[in-house]
Protein backbone atom coordinates (compact mmCIF):
# COMPACT_ATOMS: atom_id res chain seq x y z
CA MET A 1 16.87 -26.71 19.25
CA VAL A 2 13.43 -27.39 18.59
CA GLU A 3 12.33 -26.02 21.80
CA TRP A 4 13.74 -22.77 19.82
CA PHE A 5 11.25 -23.21 17.03
CA ASP A 6 8.37 -24.29 18.89
CA MET A 7 8.61 -20.92 20.76
CA GLY A 8 6.65 -22.20 23.99
CA GLY A 9 3.28 -23.12 22.07
CA TYR A 10 3.18 -20.02 20.54
CA GLU A 11 5.23 -20.63 17.00
CA TYR A 12 2.05 -19.74 15.13
CA PHE A 13 1.30 -16.74 16.36
CA VAL A 14 5.67 -15.70 16.28
CA TRP A 15 6.63 -16.85 12.69
CA GLY A 16 3.42 -15.57 11.07
CA SER A 17 4.12 -12.52 12.85
CA MET A 18 7.83 -12.70 11.21
CA LEU A 19 6.25 -13.31 7.83
CA CYS A 20 4.00 -10.73 7.90
CA PHE A 21 6.45 -8.23 8.77
CA PHE A 22 8.89 -9.66 6.07
CA VAL A 23 5.91 -9.44 3.26
CA VAL A 24 5.13 -5.71 4.59
CA MET A 25 8.76 -4.52 4.38
CA LEU A 26 9.41 -6.28 1.01
CA ALA A 27 5.96 -4.34 -0.26
CA ASP A 28 7.15 -1.19 1.04
CA GLY A 29 10.55 -1.31 -0.45
CA LEU A 30 9.40 -1.86 -3.74
CA SER A 31 6.84 0.52 -3.18
CA LEU A 32 9.47 3.23 -2.58
CA ARG A 33 11.60 1.93 -5.85
CA SER A 34 8.46 2.38 -7.91
CA LYS A 35 7.83 5.78 -6.25
CA LYS A 36 11.70 6.48 -7.25
CA LYS A 37 11.50 5.90 -10.66
CA GLN A 38 8.00 7.78 -11.18
CA ALA A 39 9.57 10.67 -9.75
CA GLU A 40 12.63 10.44 -11.89
CA ARG A 41 10.97 10.31 -15.06
CA LEU A 42 8.72 13.27 -13.75
CA VAL A 43 12.05 15.12 -13.25
CA PHE A 44 13.28 14.41 -16.14
CA SER A 45 10.77 14.99 -18.69
CA ARG A 46 10.32 18.77 -16.88
CA PHE A 47 13.94 19.15 -17.54
CA ARG A 48 13.55 18.20 -21.17
CA ARG A 49 10.67 19.93 -21.88
CA LYS A 50 12.11 23.30 -20.14
CA ASN A 51 15.34 22.99 -22.51
CA LYS A 52 13.42 22.67 -25.62
């Protein structure tokens, strides 16, 4: 099992790359959620303004 985590001496590169990947994916997901909420608010405000 230790050999699997060791990755032939490249463990810092491999695990660092995986950490970077997951951080970027999390940031992308949070960004998309924020943009979706912003778009929903914009559509709702335009809809409300149009119906007054």
